[in-house]
C-alpha atoms as a PDB file:
ATOM      1  CA  MET A   1     -35.174  31.030   4.945  1.00  0.00           C
ATOM      2  CA  SER A   2     -36.623  29.010   1.721  1.00  0.00           C
ATOM      3  CA  THR A   3     -37.730  25.849   2.548  1.00  0.00           C
ATOM      4  CA  PRO A   4     -37.026  22.526   0.808  1.00  0.00           C
ATOM      5  CA  ALA A   5     -40.186  21.654  -2.137  1.00  0.00           C
ATOM      6  CA  THR A   6     -42.868  19.318  -0.830  1.00  0.00           C
ATOM      7  CA  PRO A   7     -43.531  16.284  -3.487  1.00  0.00           C
ATOM      8  CA  SER A   8     -46.718  17.831  -4.287  1.00  0.00           C
ATOM      9  CA  THR A   9     -44.859  21.244  -5.229  1.00  0.00           C
ATOM     10  CA  ARG A  10     -41.862  18.613  -6.926  1.00  0.00           C
ATOM     11  CA  ARG A  11     -44.552  17.274  -8.825  1.00  0.00           C
ATOM     12  CA  ARG A  12     -45.744  20.578 -10.379  1.00  0.00           C
ATOM     13  CA  LEU A  13     -42.248  21.988 -11.042  1.00  0.00           C
ATOM     14  CA  GLY A  14     -40.777  18.651 -12.731  1.00  0.00           C
ATOM     15  CA  LEU A  15     -37.675  18.537 -14.309  1.00  0.00           C
ATOM     16  CA  SER A  16     -38.301  21.865 -16.817  1.00  0.00           C
ATOM     17  CA  SER A  17     -38.015  23.995 -13.241  1.00  0.00           C
ATOM     18  CA  LEU A  18     -35.203  23.051 -11.658  1.00  0.00           C
ATOM     19  CA  ALA A  19     -34.494  26.497 -10.938  1.00  0.00           C
ATOM     20  CA  GLN A  20     -37.299  27.569  -9.070  1.00  0.00           C
ATOM     21  CA  VAL A  21     -36.323  24.745  -6.925  1.00  0.00           C
ATOM     22  CA  PRO A  22     -35.686  25.829  -3.597  1.00  0.00           C
ATOM     23  CA  LEU A  23     -32.450  23.950  -2.096  1.00  0.00           C
ATOM     24  CA  SER A  24     -32.473  22.143   1.066  1.00  0.00           C
ATOM     25  CA  PRO A  25     -30.174  23.463   3.954  1.00  0.00           C
ATOM     26  CA  VAL A  26     -27.620  20.910   3.280  1.00  0.00           C
ATOM     27  CA  HIS A  27     -27.911  20.998  -0.610  1.00  0.00           C
ATOM     28  CA  ALA A  28     -27.530  25.026   0.055  1.00  0.00           C
ATOM     29  CA  ALA A  29     -24.692  24.119   1.795  1.00  0.00           C
ATOM     30  CA  ILE A  30     -22.484  22.556  -0.914  1.00  0.00           C
ATOM     31  CA  LEU A  31     -23.620  24.927  -3.314  1.00  0.00           C
ATOM     32  CA  ASP A  32     -22.447  27.929  -0.950  1.00  0.00           C
ATOM     33  CA  ALA A  33     -19.117  26.223  -0.630  1.00  0.00           C
ATOM     34  CA  ALA A  34     -18.585  25.075  -4.468  1.00  0.00           C
ATOM     35  CA  ARG A  35     -19.585  29.119  -5.437  1.00  0.00           C
ATOM     36  CA  LYS A  36     -16.592  30.528  -2.947  1.00  0.00           C
ATOM     37  CA  ARG A  37     -13.995  28.030  -4.929  1.00  0.00           C
ATOM     38  CA  CYS A  38     -15.315  29.316  -8.469  1.00  0.00           C
ATOM     39  CA  GLY A  39     -12.280  30.128 -10.622  1.00  0.00           C
ATOM     40  CA  SER A  40     -14.215  29.874 -13.833  1.00  0.00           C
ATOM     41  CA  PRO A  41     -14.265  33.538 -15.657  1.00  0.00           C
ATOM     42  CA  ALA A  42     -17.330  35.980 -15.325  1.00  0.00           C
ATOM     43  CA  ALA A  43     -18.819  34.154 -19.179  1.00  0.00           C
ATOM     44  CA  CYS A  44     -18.625  30.999 -17.713  1.00  0.00           C
ATOM     45  CA  ARG A  45     -19.356  31.523 -14.164  1.00  0.00           C
ATOM     46  CA  ARG A  46     -23.008  32.270 -13.721  1.00  0.00           C
ATOM     47  CA  ARG A  47     -23.581  29.380 -16.183  1.00  0.00           C
ATOM     48  CA  LEU A  48     -21.728  26.828 -13.871  1.00  0.00           C
ATOM     49  CA  GLU A  49     -23.580  27.906 -10.362  1.00  0.00           C
ATOM     50  CA  ALA A  50     -26.864  27.287 -12.591  1.00  0.00           C
ATOM     51  CA  GLU A  51     -25.757  24.366 -13.237  1.00  0.00           C
ATOM     52  CA  ALA A  52     -24.441  22.889 -10.212  1.00  0.00           C
ATOM     53  CA  HIS A  53     -28.056  24.580  -8.448  1.00  0.00           C
ATOM     54  CA  ASP A  54     -29.626  22.442 -11.258  1.00  0.00           C
ATOM     55  CA  LEU A  55     -27.502  19.088  -9.854  1.00  0.00           C
ATOM     56  CA  LEU A  56     -28.893  19.484  -6.565  1.00  0.00           C
ATOM     57  CA  ALA A  57     -32.435  20.265  -7.441  1.00  0.00           C
ATOM     58  CA  LEU A  58     -32.450  17.609  -9.359  1.00  0.00           C
ATOM     59  CA  ALA A  59     -31.335  15.164  -6.516  1.00  0.00           C
ATOM     60  CA  GLN A  60     -34.228  16.554  -4.886  1.00  0.00           C
ATOM     61  CA  GLU A  61     -36.906  16.035  -7.012  1.00  0.00           C
ATOM     62  CA  SER A  62     -35.864  12.755  -7.832  1.00  0.00           C
ATOM     63  CA  GLY A  63     -35.161  10.763  -5.014  1.00  0.00           C
ATOM     64  CA  ARG A  64     -32.829   8.865  -7.118  1.00  0.00           C
ATOM     65  CA  LEU A  65     -29.823  10.550  -7.185  1.00  0.00           C
ATOM     66  CA  HIS A  66     -27.287  11.814  -4.050  1.00  0.00           C
ATOM     67  CA  VAL A  67     -24.724  14.275  -4.410  1.00  0.00           C
ATOM     68  CA  HIS A  68     -21.737  13.750  -2.858  1.00  0.00           C
ATOM     69  CA  TRP A  69     -19.610  16.861  -3.845  1.00  0.00           C
ATOM     70  CA  ILE A  70     -19.343  19.441  -6.363  1.00  0.00           C
ATOM     71  CA  ASP A  71     -16.309  21.445  -6.903  1.00  0.00           C
ATOM     72  CA  LEU A  72     -16.340  24.442  -9.334  1.00  0.00           C
ATOM     73  CA  SER A  73     -12.822  25.705  -9.065  1.00  0.00           C
ATOM     74  CA  ALA A  74     -11.967  24.886 -12.818  1.00  0.00           C
ATOM     75  CA  GLY A  75     -15.274  24.251 -14.529  1.00  0.00           C
ATOM     76  CA  LEU A  76     -17.400  21.954 -12.849  1.00  0.00           C
ATOM     77  CA  ARG A  77     -16.743  18.617 -11.452  1.00  0.00           C
ATOM     78  CA  ALA A  78     -18.842  16.424  -8.995  1.00  0.00           C
ATOM     79  CA  LYS A  79     -19.492  12.724  -7.397  1.00  0.00           C
ATOM     80  CA  VAL A  80     -22.952  11.990  -7.582  1.00  0.00           C
ATOM     81  CA  GLU A  81     -24.590   8.055  -6.740  1.00  0.00           C
ATOM     82  CA  LEU A  82     -27.407   7.646  -8.880  1.00  0.00           C
ATOM     83  CA  GLU A  83     -29.778   4.629  -8.329  1.00  0.00           C
ATOM     84  CA  ALA A  84     -30.518   2.302 -10.837  1.00  0.00           C
ATOM     85  CA  PRO A  85     -29.892  -0.976 -12.360  1.00  0.00           C
ATOM     86  CA  VAL A  86     -26.596  -1.549 -13.647  1.00  0.00           C
ATOM     87  CA  PRO A  87     -25.457  -4.916 -15.645  1.00  0.00           C
ATOM     88  CA  CYS A  88     -21.974  -5.617 -14.498  1.00  0.00           C
ATOM     89  CA  MET A  89     -19.466  -8.693 -16.069  1.00  0.00           C
ATOM     90  CA  PRO A  90     -15.975  -9.288 -14.555  1.00  0.00           C
ATOM     91  CA  ASP A  91     -16.043 -12.452 -16.891  1.00  0.00           C
ATOM     92  CA  PRO A  92     -17.011 -12.072 -20.439  1.00  0.00           C
ATOM     93  CA  ALA A  93     -17.456 -15.583 -20.272  1.00  0.00           C
ATOM     94  CA  GLY A  94     -19.540 -15.603 -16.888  1.00  0.00           C
ATOM     95  CA  THR A  95     -22.705 -14.402 -15.559  1.00  0.00           C
ATOM     96  CA  LEU A  96     -24.486 -10.928 -15.713  1.00  0.00           C
ATOM     97  CA  ARG A  97     -24.711  -9.405 -12.114  1.00  0.00           C
ATOM     98  CA  ILE A  98     -27.238  -6.626 -11.617  1.00  0.00           C
ATOM     99  CA  GLU A  99     -25.689  -4.142  -9.025  1.00  0.00           C
ATOM    100  CA  SER A 100     -28.690  -1.532  -7.676  1.00  0.00           C
ATOM    101  CA  ARG A 101     -26.604   1.904  -8.371  1.00  0.00           C
ATOM    102  CA  ALA A 102     -23.958   3.658  -9.293  1.00  0.00           C
ATOM    103  CA  LEU A 103     -20.685   6.202  -8.091  1.00  0.00           C
ATOM    104  CA  LEU A 104     -20.110   8.693 -10.947  1.00  0.00           C
ATOM    105  CA  GLY A 105     -17.802  11.066 -11.562  1.00  0.00           C
ATOM    106  CA  LEU A 106     -19.144  14.035 -13.872  1.00  0.00           C
ATOM    107  CA  THR A 107     -17.426  16.635 -15.523  1.00  0.00           C
ATOM    108  CA  TYR A 108     -18.585  19.942 -17.306  1.00  0.00           C
ATOM    109  CA  SER A 109     -15.793  21.895 -18.467  1.00  0.00           C
ATOM    110  CA  GLU A 110     -15.885  25.507 -19.271  1.00  0.00           C
ATOM    111  CA  GLN A 111     -15.233  24.759 -23.355  1.00  0.00           C
ATOM    112  CA  ALA A 112     -18.325  22.702 -23.071  1.00  0.00           C
ATOM    113  CA  ILE A 113     -20.384  25.764 -22.590  1.00  0.00           C
ATOM    114  CA  PHE A 114     -19.287  27.004 -26.340  1.00  0.00           C
ATOM    115  CA  LEU A 115     -18.261  23.387 -28.474  1.00  0.00           C
ATOM    116  CA  PRO A 116     -19.740  19.780 -28.653  1.00  0.00           C
ATOM    117  CA  GLN A 117     -17.353  17.454 -26.642  1.00  0.00           C
ATOM    118  CA  PRO A 118     -16.280  13.965 -27.217  1.00  0.00           C
ATOM    119  CA  GLY A 119     -19.562  11.832 -25.917  1.00  0.00           C
ATOM    120  CA  TYR A 120     -17.740  10.141 -23.413  1.00  0.00           C
ATOM    121  CA  ALA A 121     -16.013  13.796 -21.874  1.00  0.00           C
ATOM    122  CA  PHE A 122     -18.787  14.334 -19.279  1.00  0.00           C
ATOM    123  CA  VAL A 123     -19.468  11.159 -17.176  1.00  0.00           C
ATOM    124  CA  ARG A 124     -17.303   8.395 -15.284  1.00  0.00           C
ATOM    125  CA  ILE A 125     -18.599   5.256 -14.041  1.00  0.00           C
ATOM    126  CA  LEU A 126     -16.318   4.949 -10.421  1.00  0.00           C
ATOM    127  CA  GLN A 127     -18.397   2.197  -9.079  1.00  0.00           C
ATOM    128  CA  PRO A 128     -19.582  -0.780  -9.329  1.00  0.00           C
ATOM    129  CA  ALA A 129     -16.616  -2.119 -11.864  1.00  0.00           C
ATOM    130  CA  ALA A 130     -17.052  -3.690 -14.910  1.00  0.00           C
ATOM    131  CA  VAL A 131     -20.342  -2.633 -16.327  1.00  0.00           C
ATOM    132  CA  TRP A 132     -21.304  -4.075 -19.448  1.00  0.00           C
ATOM    133  CA  LEU A 133     -22.268  -1.617 -21.611  1.00  0.00           C
ATOM    134  CA  SER A 134     -21.611  -1.274 -25.434  1.00  0.00           C
ATOM    135  CA  ASN A 135     -20.574   2.280 -24.515  1.00  0.00           C
ATOM    136  CA  ALA A 136     -18.647   1.594 -21.637  1.00  0.00           C
ATOM    137  CA  GLY A 137     -15.169   1.842 -21.513  1.00  0.00           C
ATOM    138  CA  TRP A 138     -13.391  -1.565 -21.192  1.00  0.00           C
ATOM    139  CA  ASP A 139      -9.762  -2.753 -20.418  1.00  0.00           C
ATOM    140  CA  GLY A 140      -9.640  -6.062 -20.213  1.00  0.00           C
ATOM    141  CA  GLN A 141      -8.159  -5.967 -16.829  1.00  0.00           C
ATOM    142  CA  LEU A 142      -9.586  -3.860 -13.897  1.00  0.00           C
ATOM    143  CA  ASN A 143     -12.576  -2.244 -16.001  1.00  0.00           C
ATOM    144  CA  ARG A 144     -12.801   0.594 -13.206  1.00  0.00           C
ATOM    145  CA  ASP A 145     -13.195   4.136 -13.621  1.00  0.00           C
ATOM    146  CA  GLN A 146     -14.918   3.295 -17.043  1.00  0.00           C
ATOM    147  CA  PRO A 147     -15.568   6.605 -19.257  1.00  0.00           C
ATOM    148  CA  LEU A 148     -19.419   6.338 -20.487  1.00  0.00           C
ATOM    149  CA  CYS A 149     -19.873   7.366 -23.977  1.00  0.00           C
ATOM    150  CA  LEU A 150     -23.159   9.313 -24.730  1.00  0.00           C
ATOM    151  CA  GLY A 151     -22.759   9.905 -28.260  1.00  0.00           C
ATOM    152  CA  SER A 152     -23.075  13.075 -30.015  1.00  0.00           C
ATOM    153  CA  LEU A 153     -24.029  16.038 -27.757  1.00  0.00           C
ATOM    154  CA  PRO A 154     -24.423  19.560 -28.853  1.00  0.00           C
ATOM    155  CA  ALA A 155     -22.485  21.938 -27.200  1.00  0.00           C
ATOM    156  CA  GLY A 156     -24.165  23.957 -23.990  1.00  0.00           C
ATOM    157  CA  VAL A 157     -25.940  20.643 -23.403  1.00  0.00           C
ATOM    158  CA  PRO A 158     -27.408  21.041 -19.842  1.00  0.00           C
ATOM    159  CA  LEU A 159     -26.167  18.985 -17.432  1.00  0.00           C
ATOM    160  CA  LYS A 160     -29.680  17.184 -16.426  1.00  0.00           C
ATOM    161  CA  GLU A 161     -30.233  16.178 -19.483  1.00  0.00           C
ATOM    162  CA  ILE A 162     -26.533  14.194 -18.879  1.00  0.00           C
ATOM    163  CA  ILE A 163     -27.818  12.573 -16.089  1.00  0.00           C
ATOM    164  CA  LEU A 164     -31.138  11.763 -17.638  1.00  0.00           C
ATOM    165  CA  LEU A 165     -28.918  10.264 -20.730  1.00  0.00           C
ATOM    166  CA  THR A 166     -26.818   8.351 -18.332  1.00  0.00           C
ATOM    167  CA  TYR A 167     -29.820   6.906 -16.641  1.00  0.00           C
ATOM    168  CA  GLY A 168     -31.357   5.724 -20.111  1.00  0.00           C
ATOM    169  CA  ALA A 169     -27.861   3.818 -20.874  1.00  0.00           C
ATOM    170  CA  LEU A 170     -27.118   2.193 -17.701  1.00  0.00           C
ATOM    171  CA  THR A 171     -31.169   1.098 -17.910  1.00  0.00           C
ATOM    172  CA  LEU A 172     -30.694  -0.203 -21.703  1.00  0.00           C
ATOM    173  CA  GLN A 173     -33.722   2.091 -22.013  1.00  0.00           C
ATOM    174  CA  SER A 174     -31.664   3.641 -24.581  1.00  0.00           C
ATOM    175  CA  ALA A 175     -29.641   0.763 -25.774  1.00  0.00           C
ATOM    176  CA  GLN A 176     -26.904   1.266 -28.448  1.00  0.00           C
ATOM    177  CA  ILE A 177     -25.914  -2.128 -29.200  1.00  0.00           C
ATOM    178  CA  ASP A 178     -25.092  -1.643 -32.857  1.00  0.00           C
ATOM    179  CA  LEU A 179     -21.521  -2.486 -34.015  1.00  0.00           C
ATOM    180  CA  LEU A 180     -21.197  -0.426 -36.621  1.00  0.00           C
ATOM    181  CA  ASP A 181     -22.545   2.746 -34.753  1.00  0.00           C
ATOM    182  CA  PRO A 182     -20.195   5.715 -35.029  1.00  0.00           C
ATOM    183  CA  ALA A 183     -21.769   7.331 -31.649  1.00  0.00           C
ATOM    184  CA  GLY A 184     -19.844   4.707 -28.822  1.00  0.00           C
ATOM    185  CA  VAL A 185     -19.475   1.589 -29.253  1.00  0.00           C
ATOM    186  CA  LEU A 186     -16.867   1.127 -26.523  1.00  0.00           C
ATOM    187  CA  ASN A 187     -17.073  -2.400 -25.729  1.00  0.00           C
ATOM    188  CA  PRO A 188     -17.542  -4.264 -28.863  1.00  0.00           C
ATOM    189  CA  MET A 189     -17.927  -7.804 -26.981  1.00  0.00           C
ATOM    190  CA  ALA A 190     -20.516  -6.216 -24.304  1.00  0.00           C
ATOM    191  CA  ALA A 191     -22.554  -5.100 -27.621  1.00  0.00           C
ATOM    192  CA  ASP A 192     -22.621  -8.699 -29.355  1.00  0.00           C
ATOM    193  CA  TRP A 193     -23.822  -9.695 -25.972  1.00  0.00           C
ATOM    194  CA  TRP A 194     -26.266  -7.973 -25.315  1.00  0.00           C
ATOM    195  CA  GLN A 195     -27.752  -8.372 -29.222  1.00  0.00           C
ATOM    196  CA  ARG A 196     -27.462 -11.989 -28.447  1.00  0.00           C
ATOM    197  CA  ASN A 197     -29.648 -11.356 -25.367  1.00  0.00           C
ATOM    198  CA  ALA A 198     -31.925  -8.773 -26.317  1.00  0.00           C
ATOM    199  CA  SER A 199     -35.025  -9.878 -24.583  1.00  0.00           C
ATOM    200  CA  ARG A 200     -33.531  -8.749 -21.424  1.00  0.00           C
ATOM    201  CA  ILE A 201     -33.610  -5.197 -22.620  1.00  0.00           C
ATOM    202  CA  PRO A 202     -33.887  -2.911 -21.142  1.00  0.00           C
ATOM    203  CA  LEU A 203     -32.957  -3.964 -17.546  1.00  0.00           C
ATOM    204  CA  THR A 204     -36.015  -1.768 -15.819  1.00  0.00           C
ATOM    205  CA  ARG A 205     -38.774   0.685 -17.293  1.00  0.00           C
ATOM    206  CA  GLU A 206     -38.984   2.821 -14.294  1.00  0.00           C
ATOM    207  CA  PRO A 207     -38.552   6.633 -15.490  1.00  0.00           C
ATOM    208  CA  PHE A 208     -36.137   8.831 -13.871  1.00  0.00           C
ATOM    209  CA  LEU A 209     -38.502  10.802 -11.904  1.00  0.00           C
ATOM    210  CA  LYS A 210     -39.689   8.447  -9.155  1.00  0.00           C
ATOM    211  CA  GLY A 211     -43.593   8.009  -8.339  1.00  0.00           C
ATOM    212  CA  MET A 212     -44.343   9.718 -11.896  1.00  0.00           C
END
């Protein structure tokens, strides 16, 4: 039976070698259960299973990501929790609040393997509510289940890159606050607020991989 990677092994492997990371029993069970329900054609199945493995390996490597579940019945869907400072503002005229983590819904469709997808097609912020980012959807009311736009992404973009882009967006390490940028301003009020409060950017300089 394979044993989980030790911290020293994790440092050697890094993000470029996630396919080589032996999964822990818990993560292996999540992957096995998802594989049994994979409904994609053979042309997509291997890629989606590889993306699921890398997502679980990324959770082990980063110390920052927790995978609740993965579903491969139609493309890849997953519910994950990401440890990161997340800016929230329920009242646009109120005070900024920083939460410590985000619950995310991930979608990686079969089409994403072969065709470019809209930047908002991959990630939805389930919690916390009222995330205050220019590239997070804002309905002016409940502000829950917010789409997160990651800009223009190529066909076949790896899921690990989507996670890294999400971390950069939530922490404003890759801030998008230009109101005229066509890549993904979903909340002009937030873009304007961050332009006026640029001294608070980024929320943290910690890298995605803890201890690096």
